Amino acid sequence: MKFLVTLIDKLCKLGAALAALTLVGMVSFILLEIVLRTFFDSSTFIMDEMVGYGVAAATFLALPYALGSGSIIRVELLIGHLTGRKRRLLEGVSCLVGLGVTAVLISFIWVRVARAWSRHSVSSSIAEVPMWIPQGVILVGLCLLFLQLIALLMRQFMADQTANTQGS
C-alpha cells in the first residue's frame, strides 16, 4: 500500500512540475506579446486563448499535488475539534465524497474529450487548437486528483492501523 501511495505522490509531483512549466510558458508568451506589440506593432492574435488554456492546465495539474502536500486552505471549524479515530473517520468520509464528485467530473470531461476527438473539433480562433488537447489536460489533472484522493484515503487507513497497533 505504501508503494502505491508513493507512486501516486510521484505522479502528482510530475503534474505540479508540468504546471510550473506551463506557468513559465505563459509568462514567456505574455512577454513575447508585449515585445511584439511595443516594438513591432504586431501580435500573435492568440495570446489570450493560449494563456486561458495555460491557466486551466496549471490549475488542474497542480491541484493534486497541492491537496497531497496540505497546501490547500481548509476550514477546520468541525475537524479542528476532533482528534484520533473520529478525525480520521471524518477525513475518510471527506475523501469518499471528493472521490464521488471527482468521478462525476472525470466522466463528464471524458465525454467532452471523446466528442472533440471524434468530431475533430477545433477552437474558433486563428490557432484552431484541437479541443481535445486542453480538455485532455484537464482530464489528466482530474485523474491525478482522483488518485490523490485514493492516496489520502489510504493514508487515513494506514494511520488508523498504526493507531490500533500502538493502542494494543
C-alpha atoms as a PDB file:
ATOM      1  CA  MET A   1       0.000   0.000   0.000  1.00  0.00           C
ATOM      2  CA  LYS A   2       2.880   2.371   0.795  1.00  0.00           C
ATOM      3  CA  PHE A   3       4.328   1.731  -2.672  1.00  0.00           C
ATOM      4  CA  LEU A   4       1.057   2.802  -4.304  1.00  0.00           C
ATOM      5  CA  VAL A   5       0.864   5.973  -2.194  1.00  0.00           C
ATOM      6  CA  THR A   6       4.476   6.795  -3.095  1.00  0.00           C
ATOM      7  CA  LEU A   7       3.776   6.213  -6.797  1.00  0.00           C
ATOM      8  CA  ILE A   8       0.720   8.487  -6.664  1.00  0.00           C
ATOM      9  CA  ASP A   9       2.762  11.169  -4.916  1.00  0.00           C
ATOM     10  CA  LYS A  10       5.410  10.982  -7.663  1.00  0.00           C
ATOM     11  CA  LEU A  11       2.765  11.286 -10.380  1.00  0.00           C
ATOM     12  CA  CYS A  12       1.298  14.310  -8.609  1.00  0.00           C
ATOM     13  CA  LYS A  13       4.765  15.881  -8.356  1.00  0.00           C
ATOM     14  CA  LEU A  14       5.128  15.367 -12.104  1.00  0.00           C
ATOM     15  CA  GLY A  15       1.791  17.113 -12.583  1.00  0.00           C
ATOM     16  CA  ALA A  16       2.988  20.014 -10.426  1.00  0.00           C
ATOM     17  CA  ALA A  17       6.218  20.237 -12.438  1.00  0.00           C
ATOM     18  CA  LEU A  18       4.201  20.373 -15.669  1.00  0.00           C
ATOM     19  CA  ALA A  19       2.034  23.089 -14.107  1.00  0.00           C
ATOM     20  CA  ALA A  20       5.168  25.083 -13.270  1.00  0.00           C
ATOM     21  CA  LEU A  21       6.453  24.697 -16.834  1.00  0.00           C
ATOM     22  CA  THR A  22       3.066  25.836 -18.081  1.00  0.00           C
ATOM     23  CA  LEU A  23       3.357  28.980 -15.934  1.00  0.00           C
ATOM     24  CA  VAL A  24       6.819  29.671 -17.349  1.00  0.00           C
ATOM     25  CA  GLY A  25       5.419  29.196 -20.845  1.00  0.00           C
ATOM     26  CA  MET A  26       2.541  31.585 -20.167  1.00  0.00           C
ATOM     27  CA  VAL A  27       4.846  34.287 -18.820  1.00  0.00           C
ATOM     28  CA  SER A  28       7.156  33.834 -21.801  1.00  0.00           C
ATOM     29  CA  PHE A  29       4.233  34.099 -24.199  1.00  0.00           C
ATOM     30  CA  ILE A  30       2.969  37.260 -22.497  1.00  0.00           C
ATOM     31  CA  LEU A  31       6.451  38.794 -22.671  1.00  0.00           C
ATOM     32  CA  LEU A  32       6.654  37.910 -26.375  1.00  0.00           C
ATOM     33  CA  GLU A  33       3.298  39.554 -26.950  1.00  0.00           C
ATOM     34  CA  ILE A  34       4.432  42.682 -25.102  1.00  0.00           C
ATOM     35  CA  VAL A  35       7.589  42.898 -27.219  1.00  0.00           C
ATOM     36  CA  LEU A  36       5.642  42.331 -30.451  1.00  0.00           C
ATOM     37  CA  ARG A  37       3.053  44.961 -29.624  1.00  0.00           C
ATOM     38  CA  THR A  38       5.505  47.526 -28.248  1.00  0.00           C
ATOM     39  CA  PHE A  39       8.336  47.359 -30.755  1.00  0.00           C
ATOM     40  CA  PHE A  40       6.850  45.799 -33.890  1.00  0.00           C
ATOM     41  CA  ASP A  41       3.218  46.961 -33.806  1.00  0.00           C
ATOM     42  CA  SER A  42       2.214  43.329 -34.274  1.00  0.00           C
ATOM     43  CA  SER A  43       0.582  40.489 -32.348  1.00  0.00           C
ATOM     44  CA  THR A  44       0.279  36.725 -32.272  1.00  0.00           C
ATOM     45  CA  PHE A  45      -3.519  37.167 -32.011  1.00  0.00           C
ATOM     46  CA  ILE A  46      -3.745  34.028 -29.863  1.00  0.00           C
ATOM     47  CA  MET A  47      -2.173  35.061 -26.571  1.00  0.00           C
ATOM     48  CA  ASP A  48      -5.408  35.302 -24.585  1.00  0.00           C
ATOM     49  CA  GLU A  49      -6.563  31.892 -25.811  1.00  0.00           C
ATOM     50  CA  MET A  50      -3.243  30.195 -25.021  1.00  0.00           C
ATOM     51  CA  VAL A  51      -2.962  31.843 -21.613  1.00  0.00           C
ATOM     52  CA  GLY A  52      -6.522  30.718 -20.853  1.00  0.00           C
ATOM     53  CA  TYR A  53      -5.602  27.133 -21.706  1.00  0.00           C
ATOM     54  CA  GLY A  54      -2.454  27.548 -19.631  1.00  0.00           C
ATOM     55  CA  VAL A  55      -4.359  28.740 -16.580  1.00  0.00           C
ATOM     56  CA  ALA A  56      -6.712  25.758 -16.805  1.00  0.00           C
ATOM     57  CA  ALA A  57      -3.806  23.345 -17.303  1.00  0.00           C
ATOM     58  CA  ALA A  58      -1.749  24.785 -14.447  1.00  0.00           C
ATOM     59  CA  THR A  59      -4.749  24.730 -12.111  1.00  0.00           C
ATOM     60  CA  PHE A  60      -5.790  21.149 -12.780  1.00  0.00           C
ATOM     61  CA  LEU A  61      -2.252  19.754 -12.924  1.00  0.00           C
ATOM     62  CA  ALA A  62      -1.147  21.441  -9.681  1.00  0.00           C
ATOM     63  CA  LEU A  63      -4.311  20.705  -7.668  1.00  0.00           C
ATOM     64  CA  PRO A  64      -3.494  17.056  -6.834  1.00  0.00           C
ATOM     65  CA  TYR A  65      -0.034  17.958  -5.540  1.00  0.00           C
ATOM     66  CA  ALA A  66      -1.423  20.851  -3.516  1.00  0.00           C
ATOM     67  CA  LEU A  67      -4.011  18.542  -1.950  1.00  0.00           C
ATOM     68  CA  GLY A  68      -1.430  15.879  -1.119  1.00  0.00           C
ATOM     69  CA  SER A  69       1.050  18.325   0.385  1.00  0.00           C
ATOM     70  CA  GLY A  70      -1.589  20.045   2.531  1.00  0.00           C
ATOM     71  CA  SER A  71      -1.262  23.357   0.690  1.00  0.00           C
ATOM     72  CA  ILE A  72      -4.967  23.807   0.103  1.00  0.00           C
ATOM     73  CA  ILE A  73      -6.677  26.170   2.513  1.00  0.00           C
ATOM     74  CA  ARG A  74      -9.066  24.254   4.747  1.00  0.00           C
ATOM     75  CA  VAL A  75     -11.777  25.460   7.036  1.00  0.00           C
ATOM     76  CA  GLU A  76     -11.283  23.374  10.145  1.00  0.00           C
ATOM     77  CA  LEU A  77     -14.346  24.524  12.043  1.00  0.00           C
ATOM     78  CA  LEU A  78     -15.545  20.972  12.683  1.00  0.00           C
ATOM     79  CA  ILE A  79     -12.467  18.861  12.150  1.00  0.00           C
ATOM     80  CA  GLY A  80     -10.324  21.082  14.361  1.00  0.00           C
ATOM     81  CA  HIS A  81     -12.309  19.904  17.388  1.00  0.00           C
ATOM     82  CA  LEU A  82     -11.858  16.215  16.608  1.00  0.00           C
ATOM     83  CA  THR A  83      -8.863  14.011  17.314  1.00  0.00           C
ATOM     84  CA  GLY A  84      -7.778  10.453  16.729  1.00  0.00           C
ATOM     85  CA  ARG A  85     -10.130   7.987  15.145  1.00  0.00           C
ATOM     86  CA  LYS A  86     -13.070  10.418  14.835  1.00  0.00           C
ATOM     87  CA  ARG A  87     -10.912  12.883  12.914  1.00  0.00           C
ATOM     88  CA  ARG A  88      -9.564  10.159  10.611  1.00  0.00           C
ATOM     89  CA  LEU A  89     -13.108   8.905  10.025  1.00  0.00           C
ATOM     90  CA  LEU A  90     -14.315  12.375   9.026  1.00  0.00           C
ATOM     91  CA  GLU A  91     -11.258  12.829   6.795  1.00  0.00           C
ATOM     92  CA  GLY A  92     -12.058   9.461   5.194  1.00  0.00           C
ATOM     93  CA  VAL A  93     -15.669  10.454   4.556  1.00  0.00           C
ATOM     94  CA  SER A  94     -14.428  13.713   3.010  1.00  0.00           C
ATOM     95  CA  CYS A  95     -12.136  11.727   0.719  1.00  0.00           C
ATOM     96  CA  LEU A  96     -15.018   9.465  -0.317  1.00  0.00           C
ATOM     97  CA  VAL A  97     -17.222  12.466  -1.133  1.00  0.00           C
ATOM     98  CA  GLY A  98     -14.333  14.005  -3.073  1.00  0.00           C
ATOM     99  CA  LEU A  99     -13.844  10.751  -4.974  1.00  0.00           C
ATOM    100  CA  GLY A 100     -17.522  10.720  -5.938  1.00  0.00           C
ATOM    101  CA  VAL A 101     -17.509  14.314  -7.140  1.00  0.00           C
ATOM    102  CA  THR A 102     -14.232  13.826  -8.997  1.00  0.00           C
ATOM    103  CA  ALA A 103     -15.525  10.638 -10.642  1.00  0.00           C
ATOM    104  CA  VAL A 104     -18.559  12.539 -11.952  1.00  0.00           C
ATOM    105  CA  LEU A 105     -16.306  15.313 -13.294  1.00  0.00           C
ATOM    106  CA  ILE A 106     -13.994  12.759 -14.925  1.00  0.00           C
ATOM    107  CA  SER A 107     -16.912  11.054 -16.665  1.00  0.00           C
ATOM    108  CA  PHE A 108     -18.236  14.411 -17.892  1.00  0.00           C
ATOM    109  CA  ILE A 109     -14.850  15.599 -19.202  1.00  0.00           C
ATOM    110  CA  TRP A 110     -14.137  12.183 -20.732  1.00  0.00           C
ATOM    111  CA  VAL A 111     -17.298  12.508 -22.836  1.00  0.00           C
ATOM    112  CA  ARG A 112     -16.220  16.009 -23.937  1.00  0.00           C
ATOM    113  CA  VAL A 113     -12.708  14.830 -24.871  1.00  0.00           C
ATOM    114  CA  ALA A 114     -14.055  11.837 -26.786  1.00  0.00           C
ATOM    115  CA  ARG A 115     -16.579  14.030 -28.607  1.00  0.00           C
ATOM    116  CA  ALA A 116     -13.941  16.636 -29.501  1.00  0.00           C
ATOM    117  CA  TRP A 117     -11.633  13.878 -30.727  1.00  0.00           C
ATOM    118  CA  SER A 118     -14.257  12.126 -32.869  1.00  0.00           C
ATOM    119  CA  ARG A 119     -15.622  15.359 -34.337  1.00  0.00           C
ATOM    120  CA  HIS A 120     -12.160  16.894 -34.874  1.00  0.00           C
ATOM    121  CA  SER A 121     -13.354  19.994 -33.018  1.00  0.00           C
ATOM    122  CA  VAL A 122     -11.006  22.958 -33.055  1.00  0.00           C
ATOM    123  CA  SER A 123     -11.100  26.347 -31.366  1.00  0.00           C
ATOM    124  CA  SER A 124     -12.725  29.198 -33.226  1.00  0.00           C
ATOM    125  CA  SER A 125      -9.549  31.291 -33.152  1.00  0.00           C
ATOM    126  CA  ILE A 126      -6.865  31.668 -35.772  1.00  0.00           C
ATOM    127  CA  ALA A 127      -4.844  28.953 -33.980  1.00  0.00           C
ATOM    128  CA  GLU A 128      -7.536  26.285 -34.495  1.00  0.00           C
ATOM    129  CA  VAL A 129      -6.339  24.302 -31.494  1.00  0.00           C
ATOM    130  CA  PRO A 130      -7.806  20.785 -31.401  1.00  0.00           C
ATOM    131  CA  MET A 131     -10.138  20.990 -28.414  1.00  0.00           C
ATOM    132  CA  TRP A 132      -9.269  17.529 -27.153  1.00  0.00           C
ATOM    133  CA  ILE A 133      -5.823  18.831 -26.151  1.00  0.00           C
ATOM    134  CA  PRO A 134      -6.816  21.389 -23.488  1.00  0.00           C
ATOM    135  CA  GLN A 135      -9.740  19.225 -22.415  1.00  0.00           C
ATOM    136  CA  GLY A 136      -7.397  16.218 -22.218  1.00  0.00           C
ATOM    137  CA  VAL A 137      -5.021  18.099 -19.933  1.00  0.00           C
ATOM    138  CA  ILE A 138      -7.943  18.885 -17.619  1.00  0.00           C
ATOM    139  CA  LEU A 139      -8.887  15.191 -17.722  1.00  0.00           C
ATOM    140  CA  VAL A 140      -5.338  14.186 -16.746  1.00  0.00           C
ATOM    141  CA  GLY A 141      -5.418  16.643 -13.842  1.00  0.00           C
ATOM    142  CA  LEU A 142      -8.757  15.272 -12.642  1.00  0.00           C
ATOM    143  CA  CYS A 143      -7.452  11.699 -12.866  1.00  0.00           C
ATOM    144  CA  LEU A 144      -4.429  12.717 -10.783  1.00  0.00           C
ATOM    145  CA  LEU A 145      -6.789  14.336  -8.280  1.00  0.00           C
ATOM    146  CA  PHE A 146      -8.789  11.091  -8.117  1.00  0.00           C
ATOM    147  CA  LEU A 147      -5.598   9.145  -7.441  1.00  0.00           C
ATOM    148  CA  GLN A 148      -4.503  11.657  -4.799  1.00  0.00           C
ATOM    149  CA  LEU A 149      -7.840  11.274  -3.017  1.00  0.00           C
ATOM    150  CA  ILE A 150      -7.325   7.499  -3.031  1.00  0.00           C
ATOM    151  CA  ALA A 151      -3.838   8.034  -1.570  1.00  0.00           C
ATOM    152  CA  LEU A 152      -5.255  10.298   1.152  1.00  0.00           C
ATOM    153  CA  LEU A 153      -7.870   7.671   1.953  1.00  0.00           C
ATOM    154  CA  MET A 154      -5.158   5.018   2.125  1.00  0.00           C
ATOM    155  CA  ARG A 155      -3.121   7.253   4.446  1.00  0.00           C
ATOM    156  CA  GLN A 156      -6.137   7.534   6.754  1.00  0.00           C
ATOM    157  CA  PHE A 157      -6.482   3.756   6.739  1.00  0.00           C
ATOM    158  CA  MET A 158      -2.754   3.257   7.410  1.00  0.00           C
ATOM    159  CA  ALA A 159      -2.890   5.835  10.233  1.00  0.00           C
ATOM    160  CA  ASP A 160      -5.882   4.012  11.709  1.00  0.00           C
ATOM    161  CA  GLN A 161      -3.994   0.678  11.570  1.00  0.00           C
ATOM    162  CA  THR A 162      -0.945   2.268  13.177  1.00  0.00           C
ATOM    163  CA  ALA A 163      -3.102   3.744  15.956  1.00  0.00           C
ATOM    164  CA  ASN A 164      -4.749   0.348  16.553  1.00  0.00           C
ATOM    165  CA  THR A 165      -1.382  -1.401  16.672  1.00  0.00           C
ATOM    166  CA  GLN A 166       0.050   1.108  19.132  1.00  0.00           C
ATOM    167  CA  GLY A 167      -3.087   1.009  21.261  1.00  0.00           C
ATOM    168  CA  SER A 168      -2.868  -2.785  21.669  1.00  0.00           C
END
